[in-house]
Amino acid sequence: MNPIIKQPWTSENLTRWGIRGMDDFSAAELVQLQQKVEEWIRQRGPHSRNKRQRTPFVMKRRNAPPA
Protein backbone atom coordinates (compact mmCIF):
# COMPACT_ATOMS: atom_id res chain seq x y z
CA MET A 1 0.00 0.00 0.00
CA ASN A 2 0.99 3.61 -0.38
CA PRO A 3 3.01 4.61 2.70
CA ILE A 4 2.21 8.31 2.19
CA ILE A 5 -1.55 7.90 2.54
CA LYS A 6 -2.63 6.99 6.06
CA GLN A 7 -5.07 4.11 5.86
CA PRO A 8 -7.54 3.71 8.72
CA TRP A 9 -8.03 0.08 7.70
CA THR A 10 -6.66 -2.72 9.79
CA SER A 11 -5.66 -6.04 8.25
CA GLU A 12 -8.77 -7.64 9.77
CA ASN A 13 -11.02 -5.06 8.11
CA LEU A 14 -9.29 -5.54 4.78
CA THR A 15 -9.78 -9.30 4.80
CA ARG A 16 -13.35 -8.99 6.02
CA TRP A 17 -14.26 -6.72 3.10
CA GLY A 18 -12.24 -8.77 0.62
CA ILE A 19 -9.80 -5.97 -0.18
CA ARG A 20 -6.33 -7.05 -1.27
CA GLY A 21 -3.28 -4.94 -1.96
CA MET A 22 -0.56 -5.62 -4.51
CA ASP A 23 1.60 -7.11 -1.77
CA ASP A 24 -1.06 -9.73 -1.01
CA PHE A 25 -0.99 -11.29 -4.50
CA SER A 26 1.39 -14.08 -5.42
CA ALA A 27 3.43 -13.94 -8.63
CA ALA A 28 1.15 -16.53 -10.27
CA GLU A 29 -1.96 -14.50 -9.40
CA LEU A 30 -0.41 -11.33 -10.81
CA VAL A 31 0.38 -13.13 -14.07
CA GLN A 32 -3.21 -14.39 -14.24
CA LEU A 33 -4.60 -10.90 -13.63
CA GLN A 34 -2.34 -9.45 -16.32
CA GLN A 35 -3.60 -12.06 -18.80
CA LYS A 36 -7.20 -11.18 -17.97
CA VAL A 37 -6.52 -7.49 -18.53
CA GLU A 38 -4.88 -8.22 -21.88
CA GLU A 39 -7.91 -10.30 -22.93
CA TRP A 40 -10.28 -7.47 -21.99
CA ILE A 41 -8.22 -5.00 -23.98
CA ARG A 42 -8.19 -7.31 -27.03
CA GLN A 43 -11.98 -7.81 -26.83
CA ARG A 44 -12.57 -4.12 -27.35
CA GLY A 45 -12.25 -3.61 -31.07
CA PRO A 46 -10.52 -0.68 -32.72
CA HIS A 47 -12.51 2.44 -33.43
CA SER A 48 -14.20 2.06 -36.77
CA ARG A 49 -13.91 5.22 -38.79
CA ASN A 50 -16.23 5.99 -41.64
CA LYS A 51 -14.50 6.33 -44.97
CA ARG A 52 -16.32 9.58 -45.58
CA GLN A 53 -15.13 12.45 -43.44
CA ARG A 54 -18.06 14.32 -41.99
CA THR A 55 -18.00 18.05 -41.59
CA PRO A 56 -18.91 19.39 -38.18
CA PHE A 57 -22.47 20.61 -37.77
CA VAL A 58 -22.79 24.30 -38.51
CA MET A 59 -26.10 26.14 -38.52
CA LYS A 60 -26.84 27.96 -41.72
CA ARG A 61 -27.71 31.62 -41.59
CA ARG A 62 -31.30 32.54 -42.15
CA ASN A 63 -31.48 35.54 -44.37
CA ALA A 64 -34.53 37.71 -43.94
CA PRO A 65 -36.88 37.45 -46.93
CA PRO A 66 -36.82 40.53 -49.16
CA ALA A 67 -39.48 43.07 -48.22
PDB file of N, CA and C in Angstrom:
ATOM      1  N   MET A   1       0.832  -1.184   0.000  1.00  0.00           N
ATOM      2  CA  MET A   1       0.000   0.000   0.000  1.00  0.00           C
ATOM      3  C   MET A   1       0.873   1.242   0.000  1.00  0.00           C
ATOM      4  N   ASN A   2       0.262   2.352  -0.306  1.00  0.00           N
ATOM      5  CA  ASN A   2       0.989   3.608  -0.380  1.00  0.00           C
ATOM      6  C   ASN A   2       1.348   4.076   1.030  1.00  0.00           C
ATOM      7  N   PRO A   3       2.636   4.212   1.335  1.00  0.00           N
ATOM      8  CA  PRO A   3       3.010   4.610   2.700  1.00  0.00           C
ATOM      9  C   PRO A   3       2.706   6.076   2.996  1.00  0.00           C
ATOM     10  N   ILE A   4       2.480   6.884   1.965  1.00  0.00           N
ATOM     11  CA  ILE A   4       2.212   8.307   2.190  1.00  0.00           C
ATOM     12  C   ILE A   4       0.795   8.511   2.714  1.00  0.00           C
ATOM     13  N   ILE A   5      -0.147   7.760   2.153  1.00  0.00           N
ATOM     14  CA  ILE A   5      -1.554   7.903   2.542  1.00  0.00           C
ATOM     15  C   ILE A   5      -1.805   7.064   3.798  1.00  0.00           C
ATOM     16  N   LYS A   6      -2.321   7.702   4.822  1.00  0.00           N
ATOM     17  CA  LYS A   6      -2.630   6.991   6.057  1.00  0.00           C
ATOM     18  C   LYS A   6      -3.946   6.243   5.881  1.00  0.00           C
ATOM     19  N   GLN A   7      -3.888   4.936   6.029  1.00  0.00           N
ATOM     20  CA  GLN A   7      -5.072   4.108   5.864  1.00  0.00           C
ATOM     21  C   GLN A   7      -5.657   3.773   7.234  1.00  0.00           C
ATOM     22  N   PRO A   8      -6.930   4.070   7.445  1.00  0.00           N
ATOM     23  CA  PRO A   8      -7.539   3.711   8.723  1.00  0.00           C
ATOM     24  C   PRO A   8      -7.882   2.222   8.805  1.00  0.00           C
ATOM     25  N   TRP A   9      -7.656   1.481   7.735  1.00  0.00           N
ATOM     26  CA  TRP A   9      -8.026   0.079   7.697  1.00  0.00           C
ATOM     27  C   TRP A   9      -7.022  -0.767   8.458  1.00  0.00           C
ATOM     28  N   THR A  10      -7.520  -1.718   9.181  1.00  0.00           N
ATOM     29  CA  THR A  10      -6.655  -2.718   9.788  1.00  0.00           C
ATOM     30  C   THR A  10      -6.651  -3.947   8.888  1.00  0.00           C
ATOM     31  N   SER A  11      -5.722  -4.845   9.097  1.00  0.00           N
ATOM     32  CA  SER A  11      -5.657  -6.038   8.250  1.00  0.00           C
ATOM     33  C   SER A  11      -6.924  -6.896   8.403  1.00  0.00           C
ATOM     34  N   GLU A  12      -7.527  -6.879   9.581  1.00  0.00           N
ATOM     35  CA  GLU A  12      -8.767  -7.637   9.774  1.00  0.00           C
ATOM     36  C   GLU A  12      -9.899  -7.045   8.949  1.00  0.00           C
ATOM     37  N   ASN A  13      -9.973  -5.708   8.910  1.00  0.00           N
ATOM     38  CA  ASN A  13     -11.016  -5.064   8.109  1.00  0.00           C
ATOM     39  C   ASN A  13     -10.818  -5.333   6.624  1.00  0.00           C
ATOM     40  N   LEU A  14      -9.566  -5.305   6.192  1.00  0.00           N
ATOM     41  CA  LEU A  14      -9.291  -5.545   4.777  1.00  0.00           C
ATOM     42  C   LEU A  14      -9.734  -6.942   4.362  1.00  0.00           C
ATOM     43  N   THR A  15      -9.399  -7.937   5.156  1.00  0.00           N
ATOM     44  CA  THR A  15      -9.783  -9.305   4.800  1.00  0.00           C
ATOM     45  C   THR A  15     -11.284  -9.503   4.916  1.00  0.00           C
ATOM     46  N   ARG A  16     -11.912  -8.839   5.867  1.00  0.00           N
ATOM     47  CA  ARG A  16     -13.355  -8.990   6.018  1.00  0.00           C
ATOM     48  C   ARG A  16     -14.100  -8.443   4.814  1.00  0.00           C
ATOM     49  N   TRP A  17     -13.610  -7.325   4.260  1.00  0.00           N
ATOM     50  CA  TRP A  17     -14.256  -6.717   3.099  1.00  0.00           C
ATOM     51  C   TRP A  17     -13.739  -7.283   1.784  1.00  0.00           C
ATOM     52  N   GLY A  18     -12.757  -8.159   1.833  1.00  0.00           N
ATOM     53  CA  GLY A  18     -12.242  -8.775   0.617  1.00  0.00           C
ATOM     54  C   GLY A  18     -11.330  -7.863  -0.176  1.00  0.00           C
ATOM     55  N   ILE A  19     -10.698  -6.908   0.484  1.00  0.00           N
ATOM     56  CA  ILE A  19      -9.798  -5.973  -0.185  1.00  0.00           C
ATOM     57  C   ILE A  19      -8.384  -6.522  -0.089  1.00  0.00           C
ATOM     58  N   ARG A  20      -7.702  -6.553  -1.243  1.00  0.00           N
ATOM     59  CA  ARG A  20      -6.332  -7.047  -1.265  1.00  0.00           C
ATOM     60  C   ARG A  20      -5.442  -6.004  -1.915  1.00  0.00           C
ATOM     61  N   GLY A  21      -4.255  -5.847  -1.373  1.00  0.00           N
ATOM     62  CA  GLY A  21      -3.281  -4.944  -1.959  1.00  0.00           C
ATOM     63  C   GLY A  21      -2.354  -5.707  -2.886  1.00  0.00           C
ATOM     64  N   MET A  22      -1.503  -4.984  -3.590  1.00  0.00           N
ATOM     65  CA  MET A  22      -0.564  -5.621  -4.512  1.00  0.00           C
ATOM     66  C   MET A  22       0.368  -6.575  -3.775  1.00  0.00           C
ATOM     67  N   ASP A  23       0.688  -6.256  -2.539  1.00  0.00           N
ATOM     68  CA  ASP A  23       1.601  -7.106  -1.775  1.00  0.00           C
ATOM     69  C   ASP A  23       0.968  -8.447  -1.412  1.00  0.00           C
ATOM     70  N   ASP A  24      -0.360  -8.509  -1.415  1.00  0.00           N
ATOM     71  CA  ASP A  24      -1.057  -9.726  -1.010  1.00  0.00           C
ATOM     72  C   ASP A  24      -1.162 -10.757  -2.122  1.00  0.00           C
ATOM     73  N   PHE A  25      -0.879 -10.373  -3.379  1.00  0.00           N
ATOM     74  CA  PHE A  25      -0.993 -11.294  -4.500  1.00  0.00           C
ATOM     75  C   PHE A  25       0.315 -12.049  -4.700  1.00  0.00           C
ATOM     76  N   SER A  26       0.199 -13.302  -5.079  1.00  0.00           N
ATOM     77  CA  SER A  26       1.392 -14.079  -5.418  1.00  0.00           C
ATOM     78  C   SER A  26       1.783 -13.766  -6.864  1.00  0.00           C
ATOM     79  N   ALA A  27       2.958 -14.204  -7.262  1.00  0.00           N
ATOM     80  CA  ALA A  27       3.427 -13.944  -8.629  1.00  0.00           C
ATOM     81  C   ALA A  27       2.509 -14.613  -9.648  1.00  0.00           C
ATOM     82  N   ALA A  28       2.035 -15.817  -9.339  1.00  0.00           N
ATOM     83  CA  ALA A  28       1.148 -16.526 -10.268  1.00  0.00           C
ATOM     84  C   ALA A  28      -0.183 -15.783 -10.422  1.00  0.00           C
ATOM     85  N   GLU A  29      -0.701 -15.246  -9.325  1.00  0.00           N
ATOM     86  CA  GLU A  29      -1.957 -14.496  -9.400  1.00  0.00           C
ATOM     87  C   GLU A  29      -1.793 -13.214 -10.194  1.00  0.00           C
ATOM     88  N   LEU A  30      -0.652 -12.549 -10.043  1.00  0.00           N
ATOM     89  CA  LEU A  30      -0.408 -11.333 -10.809  1.00  0.00           C
ATOM     90  C   LEU A  30      -0.316 -11.627 -12.304  1.00  0.00           C
ATOM     91  N   VAL A  31       0.303 -12.730 -12.662  1.00  0.00           N
ATOM     92  CA  VAL A  31       0.377 -13.125 -14.071  1.00  0.00           C
ATOM     93  C   VAL A  31      -1.020 -13.403 -14.606  1.00  0.00           C
ATOM     94  N   GLN A  32      -1.842 -14.081 -13.816  1.00  0.00           N
ATOM     95  CA  GLN A  32      -3.206 -14.393 -14.239  1.00  0.00           C
ATOM     96  C   GLN A  32      -4.026 -13.115 -14.411  1.00  0.00           C
ATOM     97  N   LEU A  33      -3.883 -12.162 -13.507  1.00  0.00           N
ATOM     98  CA  LEU A  33      -4.604 -10.897 -13.633  1.00  0.00           C
ATOM     99  C   LEU A  33      -4.145 -10.124 -14.862  1.00  0.00           C
ATOM    100  N   GLN A  34      -2.856 -10.137 -15.143  1.00  0.00           N
ATOM    101  CA  GLN A  34      -2.336  -9.453 -16.324  1.00  0.00           C
ATOM    102  C   GLN A  34      -2.902 -10.075 -17.594  1.00  0.00           C
ATOM    103  N   GLN A  35      -3.019 -11.400 -17.636  1.00  0.00           N
ATOM    104  CA  GLN A  35      -3.597 -12.059 -18.800  1.00  0.00           C
ATOM    105  C   GLN A  35      -5.061 -11.680 -18.981  1.00  0.00           C
ATOM    106  N   LYS A  36      -5.799 -11.582 -17.878  1.00  0.00           N
ATOM    107  CA  LYS A  36      -7.204 -11.181 -17.968  1.00  0.00           C
ATOM    108  C   LYS A  36      -7.334  -9.765 -18.515  1.00  0.00           C
ATOM    109  N   VAL A  37      -6.479  -8.868 -18.049  1.00  0.00           N
ATOM    110  CA  VAL A  37      -6.523  -7.488 -18.525  1.00  0.00           C
ATOM    111  C   VAL A  37      -6.221  -7.429 -20.017  1.00  0.00           C
ATOM    112  N   GLU A  38      -5.223  -8.195 -20.463  1.00  0.00           N
ATOM    113  CA  GLU A  38      -4.882  -8.215 -21.880  1.00  0.00           C
ATOM    114  C   GLU A  38      -6.025  -8.762 -22.717  1.00  0.00           C
ATOM    115  N   GLU A  39      -6.745  -9.771 -22.215  1.00  0.00           N
ATOM    116  CA  GLU A  39      -7.908 -10.299 -22.929  1.00  0.00           C
ATOM    117  C   GLU A  39      -9.000  -9.247 -23.040  1.00  0.00           C
ATOM    118  N   TRP A  40      -9.248  -8.511 -21.966  1.00  0.00           N
ATOM    119  CA  TRP A  40     -10.278  -7.469 -21.991  1.00  0.00           C
ATOM    120  C   TRP A  40      -9.919  -6.385 -22.997  1.00  0.00           C
ATOM    121  N   ILE A  41      -8.642  -6.038 -23.045  1.00  0.00           N
ATOM    122  CA  ILE A  41      -8.221  -4.999 -23.983  1.00  0.00           C
ATOM    123  C   ILE A  41      -8.391  -5.490 -25.417  1.00  0.00           C
ATOM    124  N   ARG A  42      -8.054  -6.764 -25.677  1.00  0.00           N
ATOM    125  CA  ARG A  42      -8.194  -7.312 -27.027  1.00  0.00           C
ATOM    126  C   ARG A  42      -9.653  -7.421 -27.446  1.00  0.00           C
ATOM    127  N   GLN A  43     -10.568  -7.653 -26.498  1.00  0.00           N
ATOM    128  CA  GLN A  43     -11.980  -7.806 -26.832  1.00  0.00           C
ATOM    129  C   GLN A  43     -12.561  -6.509 -27.359  1.00  0.00           C
ATOM    130  N   ARG A  44     -12.058  -5.404 -26.883  1.00  0.00           N
ATOM    131  CA  ARG A  44     -12.566  -4.118 -27.347  1.00  0.00           C
ATOM    132  C   ARG A  44     -11.935  -3.829 -28.695  1.00  0.00           C
ATOM    133  N   GLY A  45     -12.751  -3.786 -29.716  1.00  0.00           N
ATOM    134  CA  GLY A  45     -12.247  -3.606 -31.068  1.00  0.00           C
ATOM    135  C   GLY A  45     -11.745  -2.199 -31.300  1.00  0.00           C
ATOM    136  N   PRO A  46     -10.999  -2.018 -32.385  1.00  0.00           N
ATOM    137  CA  PRO A  46     -10.517  -0.679 -32.717  1.00  0.00           C
ATOM    138  C   PRO A  46     -11.678   0.212 -33.136  1.00  0.00           C
ATOM    139  N   HIS A  47     -11.479   1.498 -33.038  1.00  0.00           N
ATOM    140  CA  HIS A  47     -12.512   2.440 -33.427  1.00  0.00           C
ATOM    141  C   HIS A  47     -12.707   2.362 -34.928  1.00  0.00           C
ATOM    142  N   SER A  48     -13.938   2.118 -35.342  1.00  0.00           N
ATOM    143  CA  SER A  48     -14.204   2.064 -36.774  1.00  0.00           C
ATOM    144  C   SER A  48     -14.492   3.478 -37.262  1.00  0.00           C
ATOM    145  N   ARG A  49     -13.731   3.892 -38.215  1.00  0.00           N
ATOM    146  CA  ARG A  49     -13.906   5.220 -38.789  1.00  0.00           C
ATOM    147  C   ARG A  49     -14.641   5.080 -40.113  1.00  0.00           C
ATOM    148  N   ASN A  50     -15.565   5.980 -40.349  1.00  0.00           N
ATOM    149  CA  ASN A  50     -16.227   5.991 -41.644  1.00  0.00           C
ATOM    150  C   ASN A  50     -15.230   6.443 -42.701  1.00  0.00           C
ATOM    151  N   LYS A  51     -15.402   5.942 -43.902  1.00  0.00           N
ATOM    152  CA  LYS A  51     -14.501   6.331 -44.971  1.00  0.00           C
ATOM    153  C   LYS A  51     -14.743   7.779 -45.371  1.00  0.00           C
ATOM    154  N   ARG A  52     -15.985   8.216 -45.212  1.00  0.00           N
ATOM    155  CA  ARG A  52     -16.323   9.580 -45.582  1.00  0.00           C
ATOM    156  C   ARG A  52     -16.133  10.483 -44.364  1.00  0.00           C
ATOM    157  N   GLN A  53     -15.332  11.509 -44.524  1.00  0.00           N
ATOM    158  CA  GLN A  53     -15.129  12.452 -43.440  1.00  0.00           C
ATOM    159  C   GLN A  53     -16.341  13.367 -43.339  1.00  0.00           C
ATOM    160  N   ARG A  54     -16.890  13.460 -42.179  1.00  0.00           N
ATOM    161  CA  ARG A  54     -18.062  14.316 -41.986  1.00  0.00           C
ATOM    162  C   ARG A  54     -17.624  15.694 -41.520  1.00  0.00           C
ATOM    163  N   THR A  55     -18.294  16.685 -42.029  1.00  0.00           N
ATOM    164  CA  THR A  55     -17.996  18.045 -41.587  1.00  0.00           C
ATOM    165  C   THR A  55     -18.741  18.294 -40.286  1.00  0.00           C
ATOM    166  N   PRO A  56     -18.202  19.108 -39.427  1.00  0.00           N
ATOM    167  CA  PRO A  56     -18.915  19.395 -38.176  1.00  0.00           C
ATOM    168  C   PRO A  56     -20.206  20.160 -38.468  1.00  0.00           C
ATOM    169  N   PHE A  57     -21.176  19.969 -37.585  1.00  0.00           N
ATOM    170  CA  PHE A  57     -22.469  20.610 -37.775  1.00  0.00           C
ATOM    171  C   PHE A  57     -22.338  22.115 -37.583  1.00  0.00           C
ATOM    172  N   VAL A  58     -22.808  22.847 -38.588  1.00  0.00           N
ATOM    173  CA  VAL A  58     -22.792  24.301 -38.514  1.00  0.00           C
ATOM    174  C   VAL A  58     -24.164  24.780 -38.960  1.00  0.00           C
ATOM    175  N   MET A  59     -24.780  25.613 -38.145  1.00  0.00           N
ATOM    176  CA  MET A  59     -26.097  26.143 -38.520  1.00  0.00           C
ATOM    177  C   MET A  59     -25.943  27.139 -39.652  1.00  0.00           C
ATOM    178  N   LYS A  60     -26.862  27.029 -40.605  1.00  0.00           N
ATOM    179  CA  LYS A  60     -26.839  27.960 -41.724  1.00  0.00           C
ATOM    180  C   LYS A  60     -27.543  29.245 -41.319  1.00  0.00           C
ATOM    181  N   ARG A  61     -27.074  30.344 -41.887  1.00  0.00           N
ATOM    182  CA  ARG A  61     -27.712  31.623 -41.595  1.00  0.00           C
ATOM    183  C   ARG A  61     -29.064  31.705 -42.265  1.00  0.00           C
ATOM    184  N   ARG A  62     -29.989  32.291 -41.559  1.00  0.00           N
ATOM    185  CA  ARG A  62     -31.301  32.543 -42.153  1.00  0.00           C
ATOM    186  C   ARG A  62     -31.351  33.991 -42.576  1.00  0.00           C
ATOM    187  N   ASN A  63     -31.364  34.183 -43.859  1.00  0.00           N
ATOM    188  CA  ASN A  63     -31.476  35.542 -44.367  1.00  0.00           C
ATOM    189  C   ASN A  63     -32.936  35.960 -44.339  1.00  0.00           C
ATOM    190  N   ALA A  64     -33.160  37.194 -43.982  1.00  0.00           N
ATOM    191  CA  ALA A  64     -34.527  37.715 -43.942  1.00  0.00           C
ATOM    192  C   ALA A  64     -35.051  37.781 -45.384  1.00  0.00           C
ATOM    193  N   PRO A  65     -36.327  37.396 -45.565  1.00  0.00           N
ATOM    194  CA  PRO A  65     -36.880  37.455 -46.935  1.00  0.00           C
ATOM    195  C   PRO A  65     -36.944  38.921 -47.383  1.00  0.00           C
ATOM    196  N   PRO A  66     -36.763  39.164 -48.680  1.00  0.00           N
ATOM    197  CA  PRO A  66     -36.821  40.531 -49.155  1.00  0.00           C
ATOM    198  C   PRO A  66     -38.201  41.151 -48.935  1.00  0.00           C
ATOM    199  N   ALA A  67     -38.213  42.403 -48.530  1.00  0.00           N
ATOM    200  CA  ALA A  67     -39.482  43.068 -48.217  1.00  0.00           C
ATOM    201  C   ALA A  67     -40.101  43.715 -49.425  1.00  0.00           C
TER     202      ALA A  67
END
